[in-house]
Amino acid sequence: MLSRHAELRLLFFFTGFVATFLIIRVSVRLIRANVRWWPGNVSAGGVHIHHMVFGVVLMVLSGVTGAVLDGEVTGWRLAAAAAFGVGTALVLDEFALILHLDDVYWSRQGRVSVDAIFLVVGLSGLLLLGARPLGFDTVIVLNGSGERTRLTTVLGYLYVAPMLCFVVITLLKGKIWSGVLGLLVPVLAIVGSIRLARPGSPWARWFYAPVGCERALRRDTEIRARVMRIKTSAQDLVAGRPDE
């Protein structure tokens, strides 16, 4: 389980991350709309400096600061956690640019950045709400003195092993969101591992005959289309509509 101090640092990280993402998206949308009173892009010597550059610097400085500071909770440790969240948001908001090595911020390919942001928000938010990786803590029974026994620890690992297999299978089936979030909400990984794989995923290539691939494609087209409409609407609302 996370200690109270760790949860507090995670809260500062989460707050810095979400606040920065919202602020930077408002900023780039104002720049895109050519609002006169907004400062605009940062340039040096005619070179546009992307905000992920500032994010990398912040992540390095705050990461090193958090690593060398002593004590559980200090103002500096909490500040480092918040700064790390700020830097992470600045970097992941341009994750697609790093992935494609091209300025695809406002293109369809740029939506990968928003996916990365949503994924981090979901994972850190679930951790703050008490979710634990693979539900390990839920199967550990403490003895009378409040300590874990060898037996309950072994039982815990026996529980985690199949849960981890479900996560791996889900990822191999091409369901990245379900697989990653399944680390904290195991039922997502269980359901994802049972359902048909997505066409083109490693699992589909290895185990599906042509007929199975056609069935998977039909299911994926029907279900994924509905999910993608909802997801795209949410992304347009938060991050802005990409160029056609």
C-alpha atoms as a PDB file:
ATOM      1  CA  MET A   1       0.000   0.000   0.000  1.00  0.00           C
ATOM      2  CA  LEU A   2       1.104   3.574  -0.591  1.00  0.00           C
ATOM      3  CA  SER A   3       2.076   5.475   2.527  1.00  0.00           C
ATOM      4  CA  ARG A   4       0.321   8.716   3.380  1.00  0.00           C
ATOM      5  CA  HIS A   5       3.446  10.610   2.368  1.00  0.00           C
ATOM      6  CA  ALA A   6       3.595   8.839  -1.003  1.00  0.00           C
ATOM      7  CA  GLU A   7      -0.087   9.542  -1.633  1.00  0.00           C
ATOM      8  CA  LEU A   8       0.482  13.223  -0.869  1.00  0.00           C
ATOM      9  CA  ARG A   9       3.354  13.403  -3.350  1.00  0.00           C
ATOM     10  CA  LEU A  10       1.225  11.604  -5.937  1.00  0.00           C
ATOM     11  CA  LEU A  11      -1.560  14.126  -5.341  1.00  0.00           C
ATOM     12  CA  PHE A  12       0.847  17.004  -5.991  1.00  0.00           C
ATOM     13  CA  PHE A  13       2.089  15.256  -9.149  1.00  0.00           C
ATOM     14  CA  PHE A  14      -1.482  14.656 -10.328  1.00  0.00           C
ATOM     15  CA  THR A  15      -2.532  18.252  -9.660  1.00  0.00           C
ATOM     16  CA  GLY A  16       0.489  19.672 -11.468  1.00  0.00           C
ATOM     17  CA  PHE A  17      -0.022  17.281 -14.380  1.00  0.00           C
ATOM     18  CA  VAL A  18      -3.728  17.952 -14.948  1.00  0.00           C
ATOM     19  CA  ALA A  19      -3.479  21.715 -14.390  1.00  0.00           C
ATOM     20  CA  THR A  20      -0.566  22.038 -16.814  1.00  0.00           C
ATOM     21  CA  PHE A  21      -2.280  19.990 -19.513  1.00  0.00           C
ATOM     22  CA  LEU A  22      -5.425  22.116 -19.318  1.00  0.00           C
ATOM     23  CA  ILE A  23      -3.437  25.371 -19.318  1.00  0.00           C
ATOM     24  CA  ILE A  24      -1.202  24.371 -22.226  1.00  0.00           C
ATOM     25  CA  ARG A  25      -4.187  23.234 -24.293  1.00  0.00           C
ATOM     26  CA  VAL A  26      -5.924  26.569 -23.711  1.00  0.00           C
ATOM     27  CA  SER A  27      -2.685  28.291 -24.729  1.00  0.00           C
ATOM     28  CA  VAL A  28      -2.186  26.386 -27.988  1.00  0.00           C
ATOM     29  CA  ARG A  29      -5.834  26.820 -28.941  1.00  0.00           C
ATOM     30  CA  LEU A  30      -5.515  30.586 -28.454  1.00  0.00           C
ATOM     31  CA  ILE A  31      -2.344  30.554 -30.560  1.00  0.00           C
ATOM     32  CA  ARG A  32      -4.107  28.509 -33.216  1.00  0.00           C
ATOM     33  CA  ALA A  33      -6.970  31.027 -33.268  1.00  0.00           C
ATOM     34  CA  ASN A  34      -4.454  33.897 -33.715  1.00  0.00           C
ATOM     35  CA  VAL A  35      -5.712  35.753 -30.648  1.00  0.00           C
ATOM     36  CA  ARG A  36      -3.780  39.031 -30.704  1.00  0.00           C
ATOM     37  CA  TRP A  37      -3.386  39.607 -26.986  1.00  0.00           C
ATOM     38  CA  TRP A  38      -1.976  36.108 -26.322  1.00  0.00           C
ATOM     39  CA  PRO A  39       1.871  35.938 -26.199  1.00  0.00           C
ATOM     40  CA  GLY A  40       2.135  33.142 -28.771  1.00  0.00           C
ATOM     41  CA  ASN A  41       4.919  30.638 -29.386  1.00  0.00           C
ATOM     42  CA  VAL A  42       8.353  30.857 -27.799  1.00  0.00           C
ATOM     43  CA  SER A  43      11.196  31.277 -30.277  1.00  0.00           C
ATOM     44  CA  ALA A  44      14.942  31.791 -30.026  1.00  0.00           C
ATOM     45  CA  GLY A  45      17.021  32.795 -33.020  1.00  0.00           C
ATOM     46  CA  GLY A  46      14.131  32.049 -35.345  1.00  0.00           C
ATOM     47  CA  VAL A  47      13.734  28.525 -33.948  1.00  0.00           C
ATOM     48  CA  HIS A  48      10.368  27.567 -32.433  1.00  0.00           C
ATOM     49  CA  ILE A  49      10.963  26.020 -29.011  1.00  0.00           C
ATOM     50  CA  HIS A  50       8.334  23.367 -28.335  1.00  0.00           C
ATOM     51  CA  HIS A  51       6.996  23.168 -24.804  1.00  0.00           C
ATOM     52  CA  MET A  52       8.267  19.604 -24.439  1.00  0.00           C
ATOM     53  CA  VAL A  53      11.777  21.117 -24.214  1.00  0.00           C
ATOM     54  CA  PHE A  54      10.775  22.965 -21.048  1.00  0.00           C
ATOM     55  CA  GLY A  55       9.113  19.771 -19.857  1.00  0.00           C
ATOM     56  CA  VAL A  56      12.297  17.725 -20.229  1.00  0.00           C
ATOM     57  CA  VAL A  57      14.276  20.330 -18.267  1.00  0.00           C
ATOM     58  CA  LEU A  58      11.653  20.379 -15.507  1.00  0.00           C
ATOM     59  CA  MET A  59      11.542  16.577 -15.307  1.00  0.00           C
ATOM     60  CA  VAL A  60      15.330  16.349 -14.966  1.00  0.00           C
ATOM     61  CA  LEU A  61      15.569  19.081 -12.339  1.00  0.00           C
ATOM     62  CA  SER A  62      12.593  17.910 -10.279  1.00  0.00           C
ATOM     63  CA  GLY A  63      13.532  14.235 -10.617  1.00  0.00           C
ATOM     64  CA  VAL A  64      17.065  14.806  -9.353  1.00  0.00           C
ATOM     65  CA  THR A  65      15.775  17.105  -6.598  1.00  0.00           C
ATOM     66  CA  GLY A  66      13.278  14.518  -5.397  1.00  0.00           C
ATOM     67  CA  ALA A  67      15.943  11.809  -5.469  1.00  0.00           C
ATOM     68  CA  VAL A  68      18.520  13.623  -3.327  1.00  0.00           C
ATOM     69  CA  LEU A  69      16.236  15.189  -0.710  1.00  0.00           C
ATOM     70  CA  ASP A  70      16.046  13.507   2.693  1.00  0.00           C
ATOM     71  CA  GLY A  71      12.903  13.024   4.739  1.00  0.00           C
ATOM     72  CA  GLU A  72       9.432  11.811   3.914  1.00  0.00           C
ATOM     73  CA  VAL A  73       7.471  15.000   3.464  1.00  0.00           C
ATOM     74  CA  THR A  74       9.035  18.403   3.016  1.00  0.00           C
ATOM     75  CA  GLY A  75       7.946  21.419   1.087  1.00  0.00           C
ATOM     76  CA  TRP A  76      10.747  20.820  -1.387  1.00  0.00           C
ATOM     77  CA  ARG A  77       9.724  17.190  -1.969  1.00  0.00           C
ATOM     78  CA  LEU A  78       6.142  18.189  -2.646  1.00  0.00           C
ATOM     79  CA  ALA A  79       7.308  20.996  -4.910  1.00  0.00           C
ATOM     80  CA  ALA A  80       9.504  18.521  -6.791  1.00  0.00           C
ATOM     81  CA  ALA A  81       6.534  16.163  -7.237  1.00  0.00           C
ATOM     82  CA  ALA A  82       4.367  18.984  -8.571  1.00  0.00           C
ATOM     83  CA  ALA A  83       7.150  20.179 -10.886  1.00  0.00           C
ATOM     84  CA  PHE A  84       7.622  16.639 -12.170  1.00  0.00           C
ATOM     85  CA  GLY A  85       3.906  16.533 -12.973  1.00  0.00           C
ATOM     86  CA  VAL A  86       4.191  19.846 -14.817  1.00  0.00           C
ATOM     87  CA  GLY A  87       7.172  18.606 -16.827  1.00  0.00           C
ATOM     88  CA  THR A  88       5.516  15.278 -17.620  1.00  0.00           C
ATOM     89  CA  ALA A  89       2.410  17.029 -18.945  1.00  0.00           C
ATOM     90  CA  LEU A  90       4.501  19.322 -21.150  1.00  0.00           C
ATOM     91  CA  VAL A  91       6.363  16.350 -22.621  1.00  0.00           C
ATOM     92  CA  LEU A  92       3.388  14.030 -23.107  1.00  0.00           C
ATOM     93  CA  ASP A  93       1.311  16.801 -24.673  1.00  0.00           C
ATOM     94  CA  GLU A  94       3.792  16.583 -27.560  1.00  0.00           C
ATOM     95  CA  PHE A  95       4.387  12.844 -27.328  1.00  0.00           C
ATOM     96  CA  ALA A  96       3.196  12.382 -30.924  1.00  0.00           C
ATOM     97  CA  LEU A  97       5.930  14.735 -32.127  1.00  0.00           C
ATOM     98  CA  ILE A  98       8.538  12.577 -30.400  1.00  0.00           C
ATOM     99  CA  LEU A  99       6.997   9.392 -31.777  1.00  0.00           C
ATOM    100  CA  HIS A 100       6.775  10.580 -35.391  1.00  0.00           C
ATOM    101  CA  LEU A 101       9.751  12.986 -35.324  1.00  0.00           C
ATOM    102  CA  ASP A 102       7.501  15.487 -37.070  1.00  0.00           C
ATOM    103  CA  ASP A 103       5.198  18.341 -36.092  1.00  0.00           C
ATOM    104  CA  VAL A 104       1.916  16.421 -36.140  1.00  0.00           C
ATOM    105  CA  TYR A 105       0.409  18.286 -33.178  1.00  0.00           C
ATOM    106  CA  TRP A 106      -2.841  19.275 -34.906  1.00  0.00           C
ATOM    107  CA  SER A 107      -3.113  16.246 -37.183  1.00  0.00           C
ATOM    108  CA  ARG A 108      -4.928  12.960 -36.568  1.00  0.00           C
ATOM    109  CA  GLN A 109      -1.573  11.427 -35.666  1.00  0.00           C
ATOM    110  CA  GLY A 110      -1.259  14.017 -32.917  1.00  0.00           C
ATOM    111  CA  ARG A 111      -4.122  12.349 -31.054  1.00  0.00           C
ATOM    112  CA  VAL A 112      -1.554   9.892 -29.690  1.00  0.00           C
ATOM    113  CA  SER A 113      -0.467  12.677 -27.335  1.00  0.00           C
ATOM    114  CA  VAL A 114      -3.985  13.038 -25.954  1.00  0.00           C
ATOM    115  CA  ASP A 115      -4.205   9.263 -25.519  1.00  0.00           C
ATOM    116  CA  ALA A 116      -0.982   9.338 -23.496  1.00  0.00           C
ATOM    117  CA  ILE A 117      -2.292  12.189 -21.335  1.00  0.00           C
ATOM    118  CA  PHE A 118      -5.605  10.448 -20.663  1.00  0.00           C
ATOM    119  CA  LEU A 119      -3.787   7.223 -19.813  1.00  0.00           C
ATOM    120  CA  VAL A 120      -1.564   8.900 -17.212  1.00  0.00           C
ATOM    121  CA  VAL A 121      -4.546  10.745 -15.731  1.00  0.00           C
ATOM    122  CA  GLY A 122      -6.448   7.463 -15.479  1.00  0.00           C
ATOM    123  CA  LEU A 123      -3.595   5.515 -13.892  1.00  0.00           C
ATOM    124  CA  SER A 124      -2.580   8.163 -11.373  1.00  0.00           C
ATOM    125  CA  GLY A 125      -6.219   8.932 -10.594  1.00  0.00           C
ATOM    126  CA  LEU A 126      -6.951   5.276  -9.864  1.00  0.00           C
ATOM    127  CA  LEU A 127      -3.897   5.104  -7.607  1.00  0.00           C
ATOM    128  CA  LEU A 128      -5.148   8.133  -5.688  1.00  0.00           C
ATOM    129  CA  LEU A 129      -8.550   6.481  -5.307  1.00  0.00           C
ATOM    130  CA  GLY A 130      -6.939   3.450  -3.700  1.00  0.00           C
ATOM    131  CA  ALA A 131      -6.475   1.031  -6.599  1.00  0.00           C
ATOM    132  CA  ARG A 132      -3.328  -1.070  -6.375  1.00  0.00           C
ATOM    133  CA  PRO A 133      -1.460  -2.924  -9.148  1.00  0.00           C
ATOM    134  CA  LEU A 134      -3.207  -6.242  -9.860  1.00  0.00           C
ATOM    135  CA  GLY A 135      -5.133  -5.973  -6.599  1.00  0.00           C
ATOM    136  CA  PHE A 136      -2.226  -7.496  -4.665  1.00  0.00           C
ATOM    137  CA  ASP A 137      -3.049  -5.757  -1.390  1.00  0.00           C
ATOM    138  CA  THR A 138      -6.629  -7.021  -1.446  1.00  0.00           C
ATOM    139  CA  VAL A 139      -5.512 -10.643  -1.030  1.00  0.00           C
ATOM    140  CA  ILE A 140      -2.893 -10.076   1.644  1.00  0.00           C
ATOM    141  CA  VAL A 141      -4.350 -10.981   5.034  1.00  0.00           C
ATOM    142  CA  LEU A 142      -2.550  -9.442   7.983  1.00  0.00           C
ATOM    143  CA  ASN A 143      -1.991 -11.445  11.134  1.00  0.00           C
ATOM    144  CA  GLY A 144      -2.863 -10.286  14.631  1.00  0.00           C
ATOM    145  CA  SER A 145       0.269  -8.156  14.953  1.00  0.00           C
ATOM    146  CA  GLY A 146      -0.455  -6.363  11.690  1.00  0.00           C
ATOM    147  CA  GLU A 147       2.346  -8.072   9.767  1.00  0.00           C
ATOM    148  CA  ARG A 148       2.167 -10.141   6.615  1.00  0.00           C
ATOM    149  CA  THR A 149       2.697 -13.843   7.050  1.00  0.00           C
ATOM    150  CA  ARG A 150       4.681 -15.980   4.639  1.00  0.00           C
ATOM    151  CA  LEU A 151       1.550 -17.953   3.733  1.00  0.00           C
ATOM    152  CA  THR A 152      -0.565 -14.916   2.883  1.00  0.00           C
ATOM    153  CA  THR A 153       2.292 -13.426   0.878  1.00  0.00           C
ATOM    154  CA  VAL A 154       2.595 -16.638  -1.158  1.00  0.00           C
ATOM    155  CA  LEU A 155      -1.166 -16.656  -1.694  1.00  0.00           C
ATOM    156  CA  GLY A 156      -0.910 -13.068  -2.844  1.00  0.00           C
ATOM    157  CA  TYR A 157       1.672 -13.951  -5.467  1.00  0.00           C
ATOM    158  CA  LEU A 158      -0.434 -16.919  -6.594  1.00  0.00           C
ATOM    159  CA  TYR A 159      -3.268 -14.464  -7.143  1.00  0.00           C
ATOM    160  CA  VAL A 160      -1.098 -11.923  -8.965  1.00  0.00           C
ATOM    161  CA  ALA A 161       0.442 -14.446 -11.404  1.00  0.00           C
ATOM    162  CA  PRO A 162      -2.774 -15.211 -13.359  1.00  0.00           C
ATOM    163  CA  MET A 163      -3.800 -11.544 -13.193  1.00  0.00           C
ATOM    164  CA  LEU A 164      -0.504 -10.626 -14.848  1.00  0.00           C
ATOM    165  CA  CYS A 165      -1.148 -13.273 -17.516  1.00  0.00           C
ATOM    166  CA  PHE A 166      -4.539 -11.676 -18.238  1.00  0.00           C
ATOM    167  CA  VAL A 167      -2.830  -8.297 -18.653  1.00  0.00           C
ATOM    168  CA  VAL A 168      -0.221  -9.705 -21.054  1.00  0.00           C
ATOM    169  CA  ILE A 169      -2.879 -11.499 -23.134  1.00  0.00           C
ATOM    170  CA  THR A 170      -4.980  -8.336 -23.306  1.00  0.00           C
ATOM    171  CA  LEU A 171      -1.994  -6.330 -24.538  1.00  0.00           C
ATOM    172  CA  LEU A 172      -1.150  -9.013 -27.112  1.00  0.00           C
ATOM    173  CA  LYS A 173      -4.742  -8.772 -28.339  1.00  0.00           C
ATOM    174  CA  GLY A 174      -4.114  -5.129 -29.172  1.00  0.00           C
ATOM    175  CA  LYS A 175      -6.180  -3.641 -26.337  1.00  0.00           C
ATOM    176  CA  ILE A 176      -3.658  -1.206 -24.901  1.00  0.00           C
ATOM    177  CA  TRP A 177      -6.050   0.811 -22.731  1.00  0.00           C
ATOM    178  CA  SER A 178      -7.681  -2.272 -21.224  1.00  0.00           C
ATOM    179  CA  GLY A 179      -4.294  -3.884 -20.616  1.00  0.00           C
ATOM    180  CA  VAL A 180      -2.658  -0.918 -18.908  1.00  0.00           C
ATOM    181  CA  LEU A 181      -5.699   0.049 -16.841  1.00  0.00           C
ATOM    182  CA  GLY A 182      -6.148  -3.651 -16.068  1.00  0.00           C
ATOM    183  CA  LEU A 183      -3.029  -3.408 -13.914  1.00  0.00           C
ATOM    184  CA  LEU A 184      -5.114  -1.372 -11.476  1.00  0.00           C
ATOM    185  CA  VAL A 185      -8.597  -2.696 -12.303  1.00  0.00           C
ATOM    186  CA  PRO A 186      -8.044  -6.438 -12.911  1.00  0.00           C
ATOM    187  CA  VAL A 187     -11.565  -7.040 -14.230  1.00  0.00           C
ATOM    188  CA  LEU A 188     -10.683  -4.977 -17.325  1.00  0.00           C
ATOM    189  CA  ALA A 189      -7.773  -7.299 -18.073  1.00  0.00           C
ATOM    190  CA  ILE A 190      -9.899 -10.397 -17.495  1.00  0.00           C
ATOM    191  CA  VAL A 191     -12.619  -9.206 -19.876  1.00  0.00           C
ATOM    192  CA  GLY A 192     -10.059  -8.022 -22.420  1.00  0.00           C
ATOM    193  CA  SER A 193      -8.270 -11.370 -22.419  1.00  0.00           C
ATOM    194  CA  ILE A 194     -11.514 -13.279 -23.059  1.00  0.00           C
ATOM    195  CA  ARG A 195     -12.861 -11.123 -25.879  1.00  0.00           C
ATOM    196  CA  LEU A 196     -11.734 -11.344 -29.497  1.00  0.00           C
ATOM    197  CA  ALA A 197      -8.395  -9.811 -30.410  1.00  0.00           C
ATOM    198  CA  ARG A 198      -8.218  -6.767 -32.624  1.00  0.00           C
ATOM    199  CA  PRO A 199      -7.335  -7.378 -36.275  1.00  0.00           C
ATOM    200  CA  GLY A 200      -3.610  -7.060 -36.892  1.00  0.00           C
ATOM    201  CA  SER A 201      -2.686  -7.657 -33.252  1.00  0.00           C
ATOM    202  CA  PRO A 202       0.005 -10.250 -32.438  1.00  0.00           C
ATOM    203  CA  TRP A 203      -2.633 -12.565 -30.930  1.00  0.00           C
ATOM    204  CA  ALA A 204      -4.763 -12.444 -34.097  1.00  0.00           C
ATOM    205  CA  ARG A 205      -1.756 -13.167 -36.309  1.00  0.00           C
ATOM    206  CA  TRP A 206      -0.590 -16.087 -34.181  1.00  0.00           C
ATOM    207  CA  PHE A 207      -3.830 -17.878 -33.325  1.00  0.00           C
ATOM    208  CA  TYR A 208      -6.657 -16.835 -35.670  1.00  0.00           C
ATOM    209  CA  ALA A 209      -7.456 -18.581 -38.940  1.00  0.00           C
ATOM    210  CA  PRO A 210      -8.694 -16.371 -41.802  1.00  0.00           C
ATOM    211  CA  VAL A 211     -12.305 -16.970 -40.720  1.00  0.00           C
ATOM    212  CA  GLY A 212     -11.477 -15.908 -37.176  1.00  0.00           C
ATOM    213  CA  CYS A 213      -9.767 -12.775 -38.468  1.00  0.00           C
ATOM    214  CA  GLU A 214     -12.883 -11.837 -40.446  1.00  0.00           C
ATOM    215  CA  ARG A 215     -15.056 -12.303 -37.370  1.00  0.00           C
ATOM    216  CA  ALA A 216     -12.667 -10.231 -35.273  1.00  0.00           C
ATOM    217  CA  LEU A 217     -12.701  -7.502 -37.916  1.00  0.00           C
ATOM    218  CA  ARG A 218     -16.518  -7.359 -37.933  1.00  0.00           C
ATOM    219  CA  ARG A 219     -16.699  -7.184 -34.144  1.00  0.00           C
ATOM    220  CA  ASP A 220     -13.947  -4.598 -33.987  1.00  0.00           C
ATOM    221  CA  THR A 221     -15.639  -2.448 -36.612  1.00  0.00           C
ATOM    222  CA  GLU A 222     -18.998  -2.539 -34.818  1.00  0.00           C
ATOM    223  CA  ILE A 223     -17.821  -1.994 -31.251  1.00  0.00           C
ATOM    224  CA  ARG A 224     -14.759   0.140 -31.838  1.00  0.00           C
ATOM    225  CA  ALA A 225     -16.693   2.580 -34.025  1.00  0.00           C
ATOM    226  CA  ARG A 226     -19.063   3.407 -31.156  1.00  0.00           C
ATOM    227  CA  VAL A 227     -16.252   3.704 -28.626  1.00  0.00           C
ATOM    228  CA  MET A 228     -14.144   5.854 -30.933  1.00  0.00           C
ATOM    229  CA  ARG A 229     -17.006   8.293 -31.485  1.00  0.00           C
ATOM    230  CA  ILE A 230     -17.282   8.877 -27.742  1.00  0.00           C
ATOM    231  CA  LYS A 231     -13.515   9.068 -27.327  1.00  0.00           C
ATOM    232  CA  THR A 232     -13.103  11.476 -30.247  1.00  0.00           C
ATOM    233  CA  SER A 233     -15.822  13.764 -28.905  1.00  0.00           C
ATOM    234  CA  ALA A 234     -14.112  13.888 -25.508  1.00  0.00           C
ATOM    235  CA  GLN A 235     -10.732  14.605 -27.103  1.00  0.00           C
ATOM    236  CA  ASP A 236     -12.181  17.352 -29.309  1.00  0.00           C
ATOM    237  CA  LEU A 237     -13.749  18.981 -26.262  1.00  0.00           C
ATOM    238  CA  VAL A 238     -10.580  18.907 -24.152  1.00  0.00           C
ATOM    239  CA  ALA A 239      -7.759  19.158 -26.679  1.00  0.00           C
ATOM    240  CA  GLY A 240      -9.322  20.801 -29.726  1.00  0.00           C
ATOM    241  CA  ARG A 241     -10.358  19.403 -33.100  1.00  0.00           C
ATOM    242  CA  PRO A 242      -7.471  18.271 -35.330  1.00  0.00           C
ATOM    243  CA  ASP A 243      -6.950  19.491 -38.883  1.00  0.00           C
ATOM    244  CA  GLU A 244      -8.779  17.445 -41.478  1.00  0.00           C
END
